[in-house]
Structure formats: C-alpha cells, structure tokens
Amino acid sequence: MEIIFLLIPLSLLLIGLMVWVFFWAVRSGQFDDLEGPAHRILMDDDSPSVDAPEEEENKNKE
C-alpha cells in the first residue's frame, strides 16, 4: 500500500512530461506538413541532370 504513494506522483510527473513534449512539438512545427514528405518520395525526379555528360567528360580529361 505504501508503494501507491510513490507511483501516483511518478505517474502524474510522467503524464505532465508527455503533455509538455507534445505541446513543444506542436509549437516547434513538427506537425505542420504531414503529407509533404510522402508526396516527395512518390514524385521523385529520376531524370539525369543536364550537366551530367559535361562532368563525365571533365573527369575523363583529368
């Protein structure tokens, strides 16, 4: 029964810490753009850049 006097304050402290971390994350912008990273993966541009052949020629000359 005495352990309850320790567990209740510890649980309240833990809950308070979790609430503080959640509000910190919201204020710092962690949840601003939830869909952007997923769309960036799907819309990845795999086409080679225009400068790629010139860079290879320069490497071969050296």
PDB file of N, CA and C in Angstrom:
ATOM      1  N   MET A   1       0.818  -1.197   0.000  1.00  0.00           N
ATOM      2  CA  MET A   1       0.000   0.000   0.000  1.00  0.00           C
ATOM      3  C   MET A   1       0.860   1.258   0.000  1.00  0.00           C
ATOM      4  N   GLU A   2       2.037   1.173   0.591  1.00  0.00           N
ATOM      5  CA  GLU A   2       2.902   2.350   0.638  1.00  0.00           C
ATOM      6  C   GLU A   2       3.468   2.705  -0.730  1.00  0.00           C
ATOM      7  N   ILE A   3       3.558   1.723  -1.621  1.00  0.00           N
ATOM      8  CA  ILE A   3       4.107   1.979  -2.948  1.00  0.00           C
ATOM      9  C   ILE A   3       3.202   2.909  -3.749  1.00  0.00           C
ATOM     10  N   ILE A   4       1.915   2.955  -3.417  1.00  0.00           N
ATOM     11  CA  ILE A   4       0.983   3.828  -4.129  1.00  0.00           C
ATOM     12  C   ILE A   4       1.341   5.298  -3.926  1.00  0.00           C
ATOM     13  N   PHE A   5       1.940   5.615  -2.768  1.00  0.00           N
ATOM     14  CA  PHE A   5       2.353   6.995  -2.509  1.00  0.00           C
ATOM     15  C   PHE A   5       3.532   7.399  -3.398  1.00  0.00           C
ATOM     16  N   LEU A   6       4.225   6.446  -3.929  1.00  0.00           N
ATOM     17  CA  LEU A   6       5.323   6.722  -4.859  1.00  0.00           C
ATOM     18  C   LEU A   6       4.848   6.667  -6.305  1.00  0.00           C
ATOM     19  N   LEU A   7       3.996   5.714  -6.626  1.00  0.00           N
ATOM     20  CA  LEU A   7       3.562   5.514  -8.009  1.00  0.00           C
ATOM     21  C   LEU A   7       2.638   6.620  -8.517  1.00  0.00           C
ATOM     22  N   ILE A   8       1.758   7.125  -7.677  1.00  0.00           N
ATOM     23  CA  ILE A   8       0.845   8.183  -8.130  1.00  0.00           C
ATOM     24  C   ILE A   8       1.604   9.462  -8.492  1.00  0.00           C
ATOM     25  N   PRO A   9       2.499   9.976  -7.671  1.00  0.00           N
ATOM     26  CA  PRO A   9       3.247  11.168  -8.090  1.00  0.00           C
ATOM     27  C   PRO A   9       4.143  10.916  -9.312  1.00  0.00           C
ATOM     28  N   LEU A  10       4.739   9.729  -9.403  1.00  0.00           N
ATOM     29  CA  LEU A  10       5.560   9.421 -10.575  1.00  0.00           C
ATOM     30  C   LEU A  10       4.723   9.374 -11.846  1.00  0.00           C
ATOM     31  N   SER A  11       3.538   8.807 -11.779  1.00  0.00           N
ATOM     32  CA  SER A  11       2.682   8.753 -12.963  1.00  0.00           C
ATOM     33  C   SER A  11       2.207  10.152 -13.359  1.00  0.00           C
ATOM     34  N   LEU A  12       1.891  10.988 -12.381  1.00  0.00           N
ATOM     35  CA  LEU A  12       1.487  12.366 -12.686  1.00  0.00           C
ATOM     36  C   LEU A  12       2.650  13.151 -13.308  1.00  0.00           C
ATOM     37  N   LEU A  13       3.847  12.923 -12.806  1.00  0.00           N
ATOM     38  CA  LEU A  13       5.024  13.565 -13.375  1.00  0.00           C
ATOM     39  C   LEU A  13       5.258  13.110 -14.812  1.00  0.00           C
ATOM     40  N   LEU A  14       5.101  11.823 -15.064  1.00  0.00           N
ATOM     41  CA  LEU A  14       5.278  11.280 -16.404  1.00  0.00           C
ATOM     42  C   LEU A  14       4.222  11.818 -17.364  1.00  0.00           C
ATOM     43  N   ILE A  15       2.988  11.902 -16.931  1.00  0.00           N
ATOM     44  CA  ILE A  15       1.917  12.459 -17.764  1.00  0.00           C
ATOM     45  C   ILE A  15       2.193  13.925 -18.073  1.00  0.00           C
ATOM     46  N   GLY A  16       2.622  14.675 -17.061  1.00  0.00           N
ATOM     47  CA  GLY A  16       2.956  16.078 -17.279  1.00  0.00           C
ATOM     48  C   GLY A  16       4.105  16.239 -18.273  1.00  0.00           C
ATOM     49  N   LEU A  17       5.097  15.376 -18.195  1.00  0.00           N
ATOM     50  CA  LEU A  17       6.217  15.423 -19.127  1.00  0.00           C
ATOM     51  C   LEU A  17       5.769  15.114 -20.551  1.00  0.00           C
ATOM     52  N   MET A  18       4.900  14.130 -20.712  1.00  0.00           N
ATOM     53  CA  MET A  18       4.396  13.783 -22.045  1.00  0.00           C
ATOM     54  C   MET A  18       3.566  14.918 -22.643  1.00  0.00           C
ATOM     55  N   VAL A  19       2.747  15.568 -21.827  1.00  0.00           N
ATOM     56  CA  VAL A  19       1.947  16.700 -22.311  1.00  0.00           C
ATOM     57  C   VAL A  19       2.858  17.850 -22.715  1.00  0.00           C
ATOM     58  N   TRP A  20       3.885  18.120 -21.925  1.00  0.00           N
ATOM     59  CA  TRP A  20       4.831  19.195 -22.246  1.00  0.00           C
ATOM     60  C   TRP A  20       5.565  18.905 -23.554  1.00  0.00           C
ATOM     61  N   VAL A  21       6.007  17.673 -23.767  1.00  0.00           N
ATOM     62  CA  VAL A  21       6.706  17.307 -25.007  1.00  0.00           C
ATOM     63  C   VAL A  21       5.767  17.437 -26.200  1.00  0.00           C
ATOM     64  N   PHE A  22       4.509  17.047 -26.047  1.00  0.00           N
ATOM     65  CA  PHE A  22       3.549  17.177 -27.135  1.00  0.00           C
ATOM     66  C   PHE A  22       3.345  18.635 -27.521  1.00  0.00           C
ATOM     67  N   PHE A  23       3.124  19.509 -26.538  1.00  0.00           N
ATOM     68  CA  PHE A  23       2.912  20.917 -26.856  1.00  0.00           C
ATOM     69  C   PHE A  23       4.179  21.570 -27.406  1.00  0.00           C
ATOM     70  N   TRP A  24       5.346  21.140 -26.956  1.00  0.00           N
ATOM     71  CA  TRP A  24       6.602  21.648 -27.517  1.00  0.00           C
ATOM     72  C   TRP A  24       6.714  21.267 -28.994  1.00  0.00           C
ATOM     73  N   ALA A  25       6.358  20.023 -29.322  1.00  0.00           N
ATOM     74  CA  ALA A  25       6.430  19.568 -30.703  1.00  0.00           C
ATOM     75  C   ALA A  25       5.450  20.329 -31.585  1.00  0.00           C
ATOM     76  N   VAL A  26       4.267  20.617 -31.069  1.00  0.00           N
ATOM     77  CA  VAL A  26       3.278  21.374 -31.848  1.00  0.00           C
ATOM     78  C   VAL A  26       3.778  22.792 -32.078  1.00  0.00           C
ATOM     79  N   ARG A  27       4.317  23.433 -31.043  1.00  0.00           N
ATOM     80  CA  ARG A  27       4.800  24.807 -31.181  1.00  0.00           C
ATOM     81  C   ARG A  27       6.027  24.906 -32.089  1.00  0.00           C
ATOM     82  N   SER A  28       6.858  23.879 -32.129  1.00  0.00           N
ATOM     83  CA  SER A  28       8.075  23.950 -32.935  1.00  0.00           C
ATOM     84  C   SER A  28       7.839  23.548 -34.388  1.00  0.00           C
ATOM     85  N   GLY A  29       6.614  23.170 -34.742  1.00  0.00           N
ATOM     86  CA  GLY A  29       6.292  22.901 -36.136  1.00  0.00           C
ATOM     87  C   GLY A  29       6.497  21.467 -36.576  1.00  0.00           C
ATOM     88  N   GLN A  30       6.523  20.528 -35.668  1.00  0.00           N
ATOM     89  CA  GLN A  30       6.734  19.133 -36.030  1.00  0.00           C
ATOM     90  C   GLN A  30       5.552  18.547 -36.795  1.00  0.00           C
ATOM     91  N   PHE A  31       4.359  19.103 -36.620  1.00  0.00           N
ATOM     92  CA  PHE A  31       3.161  18.558 -37.248  1.00  0.00           C
ATOM     93  C   PHE A  31       2.602  19.479 -38.333  1.00  0.00           C
ATOM     94  N   ASP A  32       3.419  20.386 -38.863  1.00  0.00           N
ATOM     95  CA  ASP A  32       2.923  21.331 -39.855  1.00  0.00           C
ATOM     96  C   ASP A  32       2.599  20.663 -41.191  1.00  0.00           C
ATOM     97  N   ASP A  33       3.518  19.865 -41.713  1.00  0.00           N
ATOM     98  CA  ASP A  33       3.337  19.266 -43.030  1.00  0.00           C
ATOM     99  C   ASP A  33       3.437  17.754 -42.896  1.00  0.00           C
ATOM    100  N   LEU A  34       2.297  17.100 -42.784  1.00  0.00           N
ATOM    101  CA  LEU A  34       2.302  15.647 -42.603  1.00  0.00           C
ATOM    102  C   LEU A  34       2.314  14.899 -43.930  1.00  0.00           C
ATOM    103  N   GLU A  35       1.858  15.529 -45.021  1.00  0.00           N
ATOM    104  CA  GLU A  35       1.769  14.831 -46.295  1.00  0.00           C
ATOM    105  C   GLU A  35       2.921  15.151 -47.239  1.00  0.00           C
ATOM    106  N   GLY A  36       3.658  16.209 -46.987  1.00  0.00           N
ATOM    107  CA  GLY A  36       4.726  16.620 -47.892  1.00  0.00           C
ATOM    108  C   GLY A  36       5.817  15.585 -48.106  1.00  0.00           C
ATOM    109  N   PRO A  37       6.400  15.010 -47.050  1.00  0.00           N
ATOM    110  CA  PRO A  37       7.447  14.014 -47.262  1.00  0.00           C
ATOM    111  C   PRO A  37       6.963  12.789 -48.042  1.00  0.00           C
ATOM    112  N   ALA A  38       5.722  12.366 -47.830  1.00  0.00           N
ATOM    113  CA  ALA A  38       5.198  11.213 -48.567  1.00  0.00           C
ATOM    114  C   ALA A  38       5.057  11.533 -50.047  1.00  0.00           C
ATOM    115  N   HIS A  39       4.627  12.745 -50.378  1.00  0.00           N
ATOM    116  CA  HIS A  39       4.488  13.135 -51.777  1.00  0.00           C
ATOM    117  C   HIS A  39       5.856  13.310 -52.436  1.00  0.00           C
ATOM    118  N   ARG A  40       6.838  13.787 -51.685  1.00  0.00           N
ATOM    119  CA  ARG A  40       8.177  13.950 -52.249  1.00  0.00           C
ATOM    120  C   ARG A  40       8.788  12.616 -52.640  1.00  0.00           C
ATOM    121  N   ILE A  41       8.522  11.570 -51.886  1.00  0.00           N
ATOM    122  CA  ILE A  41       9.047  10.244 -52.233  1.00  0.00           C
ATOM    123  C   ILE A  41       8.407   9.746 -53.523  1.00  0.00           C
ATOM    124  N   LEU A  42       7.101   9.942 -53.658  1.00  0.00           N
ATOM    125  CA  LEU A  42       6.403   9.447 -54.836  1.00  0.00           C
ATOM    126  C   LEU A  42       6.728  10.259 -56.078  1.00  0.00           C
ATOM    127  N   MET A  43       6.970  11.548 -55.926  1.00  0.00           N
ATOM    128  CA  MET A  43       7.219  12.417 -57.064  1.00  0.00           C
ATOM    129  C   MET A  43       8.716  12.677 -57.261  1.00  0.00           C
ATOM    130  N   ASP A  44       9.535  11.697 -56.972  1.00  0.00           N
ATOM    131  CA  ASP A  44      10.975  11.834 -57.100  1.00  0.00           C
ATOM    132  C   ASP A  44      11.356  11.974 -58.569  1.00  0.00           C
ATOM    133  N   ASP A  45      12.220  12.926 -58.865  1.00  0.00           N
ATOM    134  CA  ASP A  45      12.656  13.171 -60.235  1.00  0.00           C
ATOM    135  C   ASP A  45      13.903  12.329 -60.505  1.00  0.00           C
ATOM    136  N   ASP A  46      13.745  11.273 -61.296  1.00  0.00           N
ATOM    137  CA  ASP A  46      14.853  10.380 -61.587  1.00  0.00           C
ATOM    138  C   ASP A  46      15.570  10.723 -62.879  1.00  0.00           C
ATOM    139  N   SER A  47      15.139  11.754 -63.586  1.00  0.00           N
ATOM    140  CA  SER A  47      15.783  12.096 -64.853  1.00  0.00           C
ATOM    141  C   SER A  47      17.175  12.667 -64.594  1.00  0.00           C
ATOM    142  N   PRO A  48      18.150  12.331 -65.461  1.00  0.00           N
ATOM    143  CA  PRO A  48      19.513  12.835 -65.248  1.00  0.00           C
ATOM    144  C   PRO A  48      19.575  14.340 -65.471  1.00  0.00           C
ATOM    145  N   SER A  49      20.485  14.967 -64.792  1.00  0.00           N
ATOM    146  CA  SER A  49      20.618  16.418 -64.945  1.00  0.00           C
ATOM    147  C   SER A  49      21.294  16.745 -66.270  1.00  0.00           C
ATOM    148  N   VAL A  50      21.160  17.969 -66.712  1.00  0.00           N
ATOM    149  CA  VAL A  50      21.714  18.411 -67.988  1.00  0.00           C
ATOM    150  C   VAL A  50      23.234  18.467 -67.925  1.00  0.00           C
ATOM    151  N   ASP A  51      23.797  18.759 -66.763  1.00  0.00           N
ATOM    152  CA  ASP A  51      25.240  18.907 -66.622  1.00  0.00           C
ATOM    153  C   ASP A  51      25.977  17.582 -66.490  1.00  0.00           C
ATOM    154  N   ALA A  52      25.292  16.474 -66.403  1.00  0.00           N
ATOM    155  CA  ALA A  52      25.941  15.191 -66.147  1.00  0.00           C
ATOM    156  C   ALA A  52      26.938  14.788 -67.237  1.00  0.00           C
ATOM    157  N   PRO A  53      26.623  14.894 -68.551  1.00  0.00           N
ATOM    158  CA  PRO A  53      27.623  14.495 -69.557  1.00  0.00           C
ATOM    159  C   PRO A  53      28.878  15.371 -69.524  1.00  0.00           C
ATOM    160  N   GLU A  54      28.731  16.649 -69.273  1.00  0.00           N
ATOM    161  CA  GLU A  54      29.888  17.536 -69.221  1.00  0.00           C
ATOM    162  C   GLU A  54      30.793  17.189 -68.049  1.00  0.00           C
ATOM    163  N   GLU A  55      30.209  16.849 -66.931  1.00  0.00           N
ATOM    164  CA  GLU A  55      31.008  16.487 -65.764  1.00  0.00           C
ATOM    165  C   GLU A  55      31.787  15.209 -66.013  1.00  0.00           C
ATOM    166  N   GLU A  56      31.190  14.246 -66.721  1.00  0.00           N
ATOM    167  CA  GLU A  56      31.897  13.000 -67.015  1.00  0.00           C
ATOM    168  C   GLU A  56      33.059  13.245 -67.967  1.00  0.00           C
ATOM    169  N   GLU A  57      32.872  14.139 -68.942  1.00  0.00           N
ATOM    170  CA  GLU A  57      33.960  14.475 -69.867  1.00  0.00           C
ATOM    171  C   GLU A  57      35.126  15.124 -69.126  1.00  0.00           C
ATOM    172  N   ASN A  58      34.817  16.018 -68.199  1.00  0.00           N
ATOM    173  CA  ASN A  58      35.852  16.688 -67.422  1.00  0.00           C
ATOM    174  C   ASN A  58      36.626  15.681 -66.550  1.00  0.00           C
ATOM    175  N   LYS A  59      35.950  14.696 -66.026  1.00  0.00           N
ATOM    176  CA  LYS A  59      36.607  13.684 -65.199  1.00  0.00           C
ATOM    177  C   LYS A  59      37.532  12.820 -66.045  1.00  0.00           C
ATOM    178  N   ASN A  60      37.116  12.517 -67.289  1.00  0.00           N
ATOM    179  CA  ASN A  60      37.929  11.683 -68.154  1.00  0.00           C
ATOM    180  C   ASN A  60      39.184  12.407 -68.634  1.00  0.00           C
ATOM    181  N   LYS A  61      39.140  13.727 -68.756  1.00  0.00           N
ATOM    182  CA  LYS A  61      40.288  14.507 -69.224  1.00  0.00           C
ATOM    183  C   LYS A  61      41.371  14.600 -68.147  1.00  0.00           C
ATOM    184  N   GLU A  62      40.984  14.527 -66.906  1.00  0.00           N
ATOM    185  CA  GLU A  62      41.955  14.659 -65.805  1.00  0.00           C
ATOM    186  C   GLU A  62      42.771  13.467 -65.618  1.00  0.00           C
TER     187      GLU A  62
END
